[in-house]
Amino acid sequence: MSTNHDVVIVGGGLVGASLAIALQRIGVDCALVEATAAGAPPAVFDQRNLSFAAATVNALTALGVMARLRSATGPIRRIHVSRAGDFGRVTLDAADYDRPWFGQVVVARDFGLALEARLAELPALARYRPARFVRLGAVVDGRRPVVIAGDNGEQTLNARLVVGCDGTASSVRQAVGIGTLEQDYLQTLFVARARAERGPDGTAWERFTDSGPTALLPRGDRHYGLIHTVPRADAAAVAALDDAAFLARAQAAIGWRAGRLLEVGPRSAYPLARVLARELVAERVVLMGNAAQTIHPIGAQGFNLGLRDALTLAELIEHDRNDPGSAGQLAAYVARRGPDREQTLAFSDGLARFTGNERPAARGLRSLGLLAASASGSLKATLVGGAMGFRGEVPALCREDAA
């Protein structure tokens, strides 16, 4: 069986679902290929704490997703960055820039349910689930066949454009022979919900150590999103700690900025590596989200960057509906995404390396760097712009102020 669609999105995670909503908003015939069955949220929608930049909040508000969140979000009104053993710190306050907040903290599972609720309101969206990507065929008459397999066997979707949103180990990326550049940070990230003596006041605390960053993000439920990074070699031992021992370890890393850490919820662990696609496009194929770039979570750039990928593509298609997968359209996409992607990748990787350098000689340079960033208005403004998601040519939906 064969079916035609203008756009076929492979992967129904955070970026893929957001792209489907954005394309449906402008009336594009698109299909979403999802690994999970109806009524079963994907495993990616867990208890991680997502830090949405202001640009992301603006766009998701315009797309009708934020209104479908079941739980209150946590506004990030201030950002406090420091490093253990170094003097100097960087503090950013949204009020200094006439903003109520820099962004919002959202629980991944709540966001997943909101995305699903919004998708359910789009009757024109073709959803193939549960289904897995099998292979791509050669382009015929301006369409690329996408073979998928579901409960009823294989079927072919003929697409003018195939979008690979299928994660770090992207099968779509492999199918078109795009290689990757990889950097293993040899770290493991633990995330959990935590309660402290002092409830969140809108401050996101980020503390760097030789083992990696630890952070407390202000959630909307009077708890914090706790992020604690450990060397990969220690991950199994840390995972085996009881709650009291884990909290003591996290307390030593983050300090007493929120008072004593009193309680921690279930923990999840994620190995940290950077995986970058060598190319973003192939013939009638584009990669985005983690399929295009999986980056260190420092600075909370990953999903925000992937959403701007999706919104840029939707905007280009809206402005030229003749052929969403034409060579000219894909070249325009690569050109539009270049500055934002390059700056974000450089910021994320540079900060990870700069703050994680254990050599004593680097300590003084880091301290001077923190002091310079704290004193320089222009440098702080650059950091604020990046934190709020305003890099490069920002998609129009990101500029629709939801604050």
Protein backbone atom coordinates (compact mmCIF):
# COMPACT_ATOMS: atom_id res chain seq x y z
CA MET A 1 0.00 0.00 0.00
CA SER A 2 1.29 3.47 -0.93
CA THR A 3 0.16 6.91 0.28
CA ASN A 4 1.33 10.39 -0.73
CA HIS A 5 2.11 13.23 1.69
CA ASP A 6 3.92 16.51 1.21
CA VAL A 7 5.96 16.05 4.42
CA VAL A 8 6.64 12.84 6.37
CA ILE A 9 8.12 13.32 9.85
CA VAL A 10 9.92 10.26 11.20
CA GLY A 11 9.92 10.47 15.00
CA GLY A 12 7.14 11.65 17.29
CA GLY A 13 9.26 13.01 20.14
CA LEU A 14 9.47 16.60 21.32
CA VAL A 15 10.76 18.15 18.09
CA GLY A 16 8.86 15.90 15.68
CA ALA A 17 5.52 16.50 17.39
CA SER A 18 6.17 20.26 17.55
CA LEU A 19 6.98 20.33 13.83
CA ALA A 20 3.77 18.45 13.01
CA ILE A 21 1.74 21.04 14.94
CA ALA A 22 3.55 23.92 13.21
CA LEU A 23 2.94 22.42 9.75
CA GLN A 24 -0.71 21.68 10.47
CA ARG A 25 -1.13 25.30 11.56
CA ILE A 26 -0.33 26.41 8.00
CA GLY A 27 -2.31 23.66 6.30
CA VAL A 28 0.53 21.43 5.07
CA ASP A 29 -0.32 17.80 4.27
CA CYS A 30 1.99 16.01 6.68
CA ALA A 31 2.32 12.63 8.36
CA LEU A 32 3.89 11.71 11.69
CA VAL A 33 5.54 8.29 12.07
CA GLU A 34 5.60 7.36 15.79
CA ALA A 35 7.15 4.39 17.55
CA THR A 36 4.56 4.19 20.31
CA ALA A 37 0.91 3.22 20.12
CA ALA A 38 -1.99 5.59 20.68
CA GLY A 39 -2.48 6.34 24.38
CA ALA A 40 1.09 5.47 25.35
CA PRO A 41 3.34 8.53 25.82
CA PRO A 42 6.86 7.92 24.47
CA ALA A 43 9.52 7.03 27.00
CA VAL A 44 11.24 10.36 26.32
CA PHE A 45 8.40 12.07 28.18
CA ASP A 46 9.86 11.37 31.61
CA GLN A 47 10.53 13.42 34.73
CA ARG A 48 13.36 15.46 33.24
CA ASN A 49 13.07 19.19 33.71
CA LEU A 50 13.07 21.11 30.45
CA SER A 51 14.24 24.70 30.52
CA PHE A 52 12.27 26.55 27.83
CA ALA A 53 13.88 29.76 26.60
CA ALA A 54 11.59 32.77 26.17
CA ALA A 55 11.63 32.24 22.39
CA THR A 56 10.43 28.67 22.94
CA VAL A 57 7.65 29.76 25.30
CA ASN A 58 6.52 32.35 22.76
CA ALA A 59 6.35 29.80 19.96
CA LEU A 60 4.66 27.04 21.96
CA THR A 61 2.10 29.55 23.18
CA ALA A 62 1.32 30.55 19.59
CA LEU A 63 1.04 26.86 18.66
CA GLY A 64 -1.49 26.25 21.46
CA VAL A 65 0.71 23.87 23.45
CA MET A 66 1.51 25.88 26.59
CA ALA A 67 -2.21 26.30 27.35
CA ARG A 68 -2.53 22.50 27.53
CA LEU A 69 0.06 21.98 30.25
CA ARG A 70 -1.57 20.43 33.30
CA SER A 71 0.95 21.69 35.84
CA ALA A 72 2.24 25.16 36.61
CA THR A 73 5.53 26.12 35.01
CA GLY A 74 8.43 27.59 36.95
CA PRO A 75 9.57 31.03 35.74
CA ILE A 76 13.33 31.59 35.56
CA ARG A 77 13.70 35.16 36.76
CA ARG A 78 17.37 35.01 37.66
CA ILE A 79 20.37 32.90 36.62
CA HIS A 80 23.30 32.44 38.99
CA VAL A 81 26.44 30.73 37.63
CA SER A 82 29.57 29.89 39.64
CA ARG A 83 32.33 27.31 39.81
CA ALA A 84 33.64 25.44 42.83
CA GLY A 85 37.13 26.60 43.80
CA ASP A 86 37.04 29.72 41.64
CA PHE A 87 36.25 33.29 42.62
CA GLY A 88 33.83 35.30 40.55
CA ARG A 89 30.30 34.54 39.45
CA VAL A 90 27.77 35.59 36.85
CA THR A 91 24.31 36.72 37.85
CA LEU A 92 21.60 37.67 35.39
CA ASP A 93 18.29 39.20 36.43
CA ALA A 94 15.39 39.42 33.98
CA ALA A 95 14.18 42.64 35.63
CA ASP A 96 17.38 44.35 34.47
CA TYR A 97 16.23 43.73 30.88
CA ASP A 98 12.59 44.71 31.47
CA ARG A 99 11.52 41.06 31.28
CA PRO A 100 9.42 39.13 33.80
CA TRP A 101 11.51 36.01 33.15
CA PHE A 102 14.16 34.50 30.87
CA GLY A 103 12.25 31.28 30.38
CA GLN A 104 10.12 28.60 32.01
CA VAL A 105 10.87 25.20 33.57
CA VAL A 106 8.52 22.44 32.39
CA VAL A 107 8.49 18.75 33.33
CA ALA A 108 9.10 16.65 30.20
CA ARG A 109 6.21 14.29 30.87
CA ASP A 110 3.77 17.17 31.32
CA PHE A 111 5.02 18.69 28.09
CA GLY A 112 4.59 15.36 26.32
CA LEU A 113 0.98 15.13 27.45
CA ALA A 114 0.36 18.70 26.31
CA LEU A 115 1.82 17.92 22.89
CA GLU A 116 -0.38 14.83 22.64
CA ALA A 117 -3.46 16.83 23.60
CA ARG A 118 -2.66 19.38 20.90
CA LEU A 119 -1.97 16.70 18.28
CA ALA A 120 -5.32 15.08 19.07
CA GLU A 121 -7.02 18.32 18.03
CA LEU A 122 -5.59 18.09 14.49
CA PRO A 123 -7.87 15.73 12.53
CA ALA A 124 -6.06 16.39 9.24
CA LEU A 125 -2.76 15.08 10.62
CA ALA A 126 -1.97 11.54 9.45
CA ARG A 127 -0.46 9.58 12.33
CA TYR A 128 1.15 6.20 11.71
CA ARG A 129 1.56 4.44 15.06
CA PRO A 130 2.97 2.24 16.26
CA ALA A 131 5.32 2.18 13.32
CA ARG A 132 9.05 2.02 12.74
CA PHE A 133 11.17 3.37 9.95
CA VAL A 134 12.48 0.64 7.64
CA ARG A 135 14.19 2.30 4.68
CA LEU A 136 14.17 5.09 2.11
CA GLY A 137 13.71 4.54 -1.60
CA ALA A 138 15.13 6.45 -4.55
CA VAL A 139 13.43 9.70 -5.53
CA VAL A 140 10.79 9.27 -8.24
CA ASP A 141 8.85 12.19 -9.73
CA GLY A 142 9.89 14.52 -6.94
CA ARG A 143 8.89 12.18 -4.11
CA ARG A 144 10.98 10.03 -1.79
CA PRO A 145 9.45 6.71 -0.69
CA VAL A 146 9.56 6.06 3.07
CA VAL A 147 8.95 2.44 3.96
CA ILE A 148 7.57 1.91 7.46
CA ALA A 149 6.41 -1.19 9.33
CA GLY A 150 3.46 -1.40 11.69
CA ASP A 151 1.02 -3.94 13.06
CA ASN A 152 -0.30 -4.62 9.55
CA GLY A 153 3.07 -5.03 7.90
CA GLU A 154 5.01 -2.67 5.65
CA GLN A 155 3.64 0.30 3.78
CA THR A 156 5.14 3.09 1.72
CA LEU A 157 4.67 6.83 2.23
CA ASN A 158 5.73 8.95 -0.72
CA ALA A 159 6.97 12.32 0.51
CA ARG A 160 8.14 15.50 -1.14
CA LEU A 161 10.17 16.00 2.03
CA VAL A 162 11.26 13.49 4.69
CA VAL A 163 12.18 14.96 8.09
CA GLY A 164 14.38 12.86 10.38
CA CYS A 165 13.43 13.64 13.97
CA ASP A 166 14.34 10.16 15.18
CA GLY A 167 16.96 10.92 17.78
CA THR A 168 20.70 10.61 18.30
CA ALA A 169 20.97 7.20 16.62
CA SER A 170 18.83 8.41 13.69
CA SER A 171 17.93 5.68 11.21
CA VAL A 172 17.00 8.33 8.64
CA ARG A 173 20.46 9.86 8.94
CA GLN A 174 22.05 6.46 8.47
CA ALA A 175 19.78 5.68 5.51
CA VAL A 176 21.09 8.69 3.55
CA GLY A 177 24.70 8.01 4.54
CA ILE A 178 25.30 11.14 6.61
CA GLY A 179 28.11 10.59 9.09
CA THR A 180 28.62 12.17 12.49
CA LEU A 181 31.22 13.99 14.54
CA GLU A 182 31.21 12.62 18.08
CA GLN A 183 32.62 13.77 21.40
CA ASP A 184 32.09 11.62 24.49
CA TYR A 185 32.24 13.84 27.57
CA LEU A 186 32.71 10.75 29.78
CA GLN A 187 30.03 12.10 32.10
CA THR A 188 26.62 10.87 33.22
CA LEU A 189 23.77 13.21 34.06
CA PHE A 190 21.35 12.37 36.89
CA VAL A 191 18.03 14.21 36.99
CA ALA A 192 15.32 14.19 39.65
CA ARG A 193 12.77 16.31 41.46
CA ALA A 194 14.07 17.66 44.78
CA ARG A 195 12.67 19.57 47.75
CA ALA A 196 14.79 22.02 49.77
CA GLU A 197 14.42 24.13 52.91
CA ARG A 198 13.78 27.20 50.80
CA GLY A 199 11.31 26.91 47.97
CA PRO A 200 12.12 28.26 44.50
CA ASP A 201 12.14 32.05 44.16
CA GLY A 202 12.70 32.08 40.40
CA THR A 203 16.47 31.64 40.56
CA ALA A 204 18.20 28.95 38.49
CA TRP A 205 21.37 27.97 40.33
CA GLU A 206 24.16 26.43 38.25
CA ARG A 207 27.40 25.32 39.86
CA PHE A 208 30.33 23.84 37.94
CA THR A 209 32.80 21.38 39.43
CA ASP A 210 35.62 19.20 38.09
CA SER A 211 32.99 16.46 37.64
CA GLY A 212 30.61 18.63 35.63
CA PRO A 213 27.64 20.90 36.39
CA THR A 214 25.06 20.60 39.13
CA ALA A 215 21.96 22.77 38.93
CA LEU A 216 18.72 23.55 40.73
CA LEU A 217 15.96 24.74 38.41
CA PRO A 218 12.81 26.42 39.82
CA ARG A 219 9.82 24.22 39.05
CA GLY A 220 6.24 25.35 39.38
CA ASP A 221 5.32 22.85 42.11
CA ARG A 222 7.52 24.34 44.88
CA HIS A 223 10.18 21.75 44.10
CA TYR A 224 13.43 22.04 42.18
CA GLY A 225 14.61 20.23 39.12
CA LEU A 226 17.89 18.75 40.30
CA ILE A 227 20.60 18.07 37.70
CA HIS A 228 23.79 16.41 38.92
CA THR A 229 26.66 15.37 36.65
CA VAL A 230 29.23 12.74 37.63
CA PRO A 231 32.21 11.12 35.89
CA ARG A 232 31.09 8.14 33.82
CA ALA A 233 33.34 5.85 35.88
CA ASP A 234 31.39 6.78 39.02
CA ALA A 235 27.90 6.54 37.53
CA ALA A 236 27.08 3.00 38.67
CA ALA A 237 28.17 3.75 42.23
CA VAL A 238 26.16 6.98 42.31
CA ALA A 239 23.10 5.21 40.92
CA ALA A 240 23.35 2.68 43.77
CA LEU A 241 23.35 5.37 46.50
CA ASP A 242 20.30 5.65 48.72
CA ASP A 243 18.41 8.94 48.69
CA ALA A 244 20.21 10.39 51.70
CA ALA A 245 23.66 9.68 50.28
CA PHE A 246 22.70 11.00 46.86
CA LEU A 247 21.33 14.21 48.38
CA ALA A 248 24.53 14.64 50.40
CA ARG A 249 26.57 14.32 47.22
CA ALA A 250 24.39 16.82 45.36
CA GLN A 251 24.48 19.19 48.36
CA ALA A 252 28.27 19.17 48.35
CA ALA A 253 28.24 20.09 44.68
CA ILE A 254 25.57 22.82 44.66
CA GLY A 255 26.21 24.26 48.11
CA TRP A 256 23.55 25.81 50.36
CA ARG A 257 21.94 28.26 47.98
CA ALA A 258 18.50 26.80 48.56
CA GLY A 259 19.23 25.63 52.09
CA ARG A 260 19.39 21.94 52.95
CA LEU A 261 18.17 19.50 50.33
CA LEU A 262 15.47 17.49 52.10
CA GLU A 263 13.98 15.05 49.65
CA VAL A 264 14.62 13.61 46.19
CA GLY A 265 12.32 11.76 43.82
CA PRO A 266 13.14 8.93 41.41
CA ARG A 267 16.38 9.47 39.52
CA SER A 268 17.11 8.98 35.82
CA ALA A 269 20.60 8.81 34.32
CA TYR A 270 21.82 9.84 30.86
CA PRO A 271 25.33 9.41 29.40
CA LEU A 272 26.55 12.70 27.96
CA ALA A 273 28.03 12.95 24.48
CA ARG A 274 27.96 15.37 21.58
CA VAL A 275 26.86 13.88 18.25
CA LEU A 276 26.71 16.23 15.26
CA ALA A 277 25.50 15.29 11.79
CA ARG A 278 28.13 16.20 9.18
CA GLU A 279 25.35 17.45 6.90
CA LEU A 280 21.80 18.61 7.67
CA VAL A 281 20.21 17.68 4.36
CA ALA A 282 20.23 15.06 1.62
CA GLU A 283 18.03 14.64 -1.45
CA ARG A 284 14.51 15.46 -0.17
CA VAL A 285 15.61 14.76 3.41
CA VAL A 286 16.34 17.11 6.31
CA LEU A 287 17.58 16.25 9.81
CA MET A 288 16.64 18.18 12.92
CA GLY A 289 16.56 17.91 16.70
CA ASN A 290 18.85 15.25 18.15
CA ALA A 291 19.19 13.61 14.72
CA ALA A 292 21.01 16.76 13.61
CA GLN A 293 22.75 17.66 16.86
CA THR A 294 22.81 16.04 20.27
CA ILE A 295 24.64 18.45 22.56
CA HIS A 296 25.74 18.75 26.17
CA PRO A 297 22.77 19.88 28.31
CA ILE A 298 24.83 22.65 29.86
CA GLY A 299 22.94 25.88 29.27
CA ALA A 300 19.76 23.91 28.41
CA GLN A 301 20.13 24.50 24.67
CA GLY A 302 19.11 21.17 23.10
CA PHE A 303 15.32 21.23 22.71
CA ASN A 304 15.27 25.00 22.28
CA LEU A 305 17.64 24.68 19.32
CA GLY A 306 15.65 21.77 17.85
CA LEU A 307 12.40 23.71 18.08
CA ARG A 308 13.95 26.62 16.19
CA ASP A 309 14.98 24.07 13.54
CA ALA A 310 11.36 22.98 13.21
CA LEU A 311 9.89 26.48 13.19
CA THR A 312 12.39 27.71 10.59
CA LEU A 313 11.45 24.84 8.27
CA ALA A 314 7.73 25.51 8.74
CA GLU A 315 8.27 29.21 8.05
CA LEU A 316 10.16 28.53 4.83
CA ILE A 317 7.48 26.13 3.64
CA GLU A 318 4.77 28.67 4.45
CA HIS A 319 6.52 31.30 2.34
CA ASP A 320 7.05 28.93 -0.62
CA ARG A 321 4.51 26.12 -0.83
CA ASN A 322 5.46 24.94 -4.32
CA ASP A 323 7.76 22.13 -3.21
CA PRO A 324 8.82 21.71 0.44
CA GLY A 325 11.66 19.33 -0.45
CA SER A 326 13.22 21.13 -3.39
CA ALA A 327 16.97 21.68 -3.48
CA GLY A 328 16.43 25.42 -3.21
CA GLN A 329 14.21 25.05 -0.16
CA LEU A 330 16.73 22.81 1.61
CA ALA A 331 19.60 25.16 0.76
CA ALA A 332 17.61 28.04 2.24
CA TYR A 333 17.01 26.00 5.40
CA VAL A 334 20.71 25.25 5.84
CA ALA A 335 21.60 28.91 5.32
CA ARG A 336 18.97 30.12 7.78
CA ARG A 337 19.95 27.66 10.50
CA GLY A 338 23.71 28.13 10.15
CA PRO A 339 24.38 31.11 12.45
CA ASP A 340 22.06 29.98 15.27
CA ARG A 341 23.30 26.40 15.14
CA GLU A 342 26.98 27.32 15.02
CA GLN A 343 26.74 29.85 17.85
CA THR A 344 24.71 27.51 20.04
CA LEU A 345 27.05 24.56 19.47
CA ALA A 346 30.09 26.72 20.17
CA PHE A 347 28.52 28.09 23.35
CA SER A 348 27.48 24.67 24.67
CA ASP A 349 30.72 22.85 23.93
CA GLY A 350 32.91 25.78 24.91
CA LEU A 351 31.19 26.20 28.25
CA ALA A 352 31.43 22.46 28.95
CA ARG A 353 35.16 22.46 28.25
CA PHE A 354 35.88 25.80 29.93
CA THR A 355 34.16 24.94 33.20
CA GLY A 356 35.25 21.30 33.25
CA ASN A 357 39.00 21.89 32.86
CA GLU A 358 40.69 20.51 35.97
CA ARG A 359 44.17 21.93 35.33
CA PRO A 360 45.26 24.39 38.05
CA ALA A 361 46.46 26.84 35.40
CA ALA A 362 42.92 27.14 34.10
CA ARG A 363 41.49 28.18 37.45
CA GLY A 364 42.73 31.76 37.32
CA LEU A 365 41.56 32.17 33.74
CA ARG A 366 38.11 30.88 34.66
CA SER A 367 37.88 33.22 37.59
CA LEU A 368 38.89 36.17 35.45
CA GLY A 369 36.39 35.06 32.83
CA LEU A 370 33.57 34.93 35.37
CA LEU A 371 34.53 38.35 36.72
CA ALA A 372 34.69 39.80 33.20
CA ALA A 373 31.30 38.37 32.30
CA SER A 374 29.81 39.75 35.48
CA ALA A 375 31.21 43.23 34.87
CA SER A 376 30.62 43.55 31.13
CA GLY A 377 27.18 44.78 30.17
CA SER A 378 27.61 43.82 26.51
CA LEU A 379 28.81 40.31 27.34
CA LYS A 380 25.92 39.81 29.76
CA ALA A 381 23.50 41.03 27.10
CA THR A 382 24.93 38.43 24.70
CA LEU A 383 24.47 35.72 27.33
CA VAL A 384 20.91 36.87 27.96
CA GLY A 385 20.07 36.83 24.25
CA GLY A 386 21.36 33.29 23.97
CA ALA A 387 19.60 32.15 27.13
CA MET A 388 16.31 33.52 25.78
CA GLY A 389 16.80 31.80 22.41
CA PHE A 390 17.34 34.89 20.29
CA ARG A 391 20.27 33.93 18.06
CA GLY A 392 20.56 34.28 14.32
CA GLU A 393 17.43 34.83 12.21
CA VAL A 394 14.77 33.99 14.78
CA PRO A 395 11.54 32.36 13.49
CA ALA A 396 8.54 34.69 13.61
CA LEU A 397 6.62 32.57 16.14
CA CYS A 398 9.52 32.89 18.57
CA ARG A 399 9.18 36.65 18.45
CA GLU A 400 5.50 36.69 19.41
CA ASP A 401 5.95 37.80 22.99
CA ALA A 402 4.16 35.49 25.44
CA ALA A 403 5.50 37.32 28.49
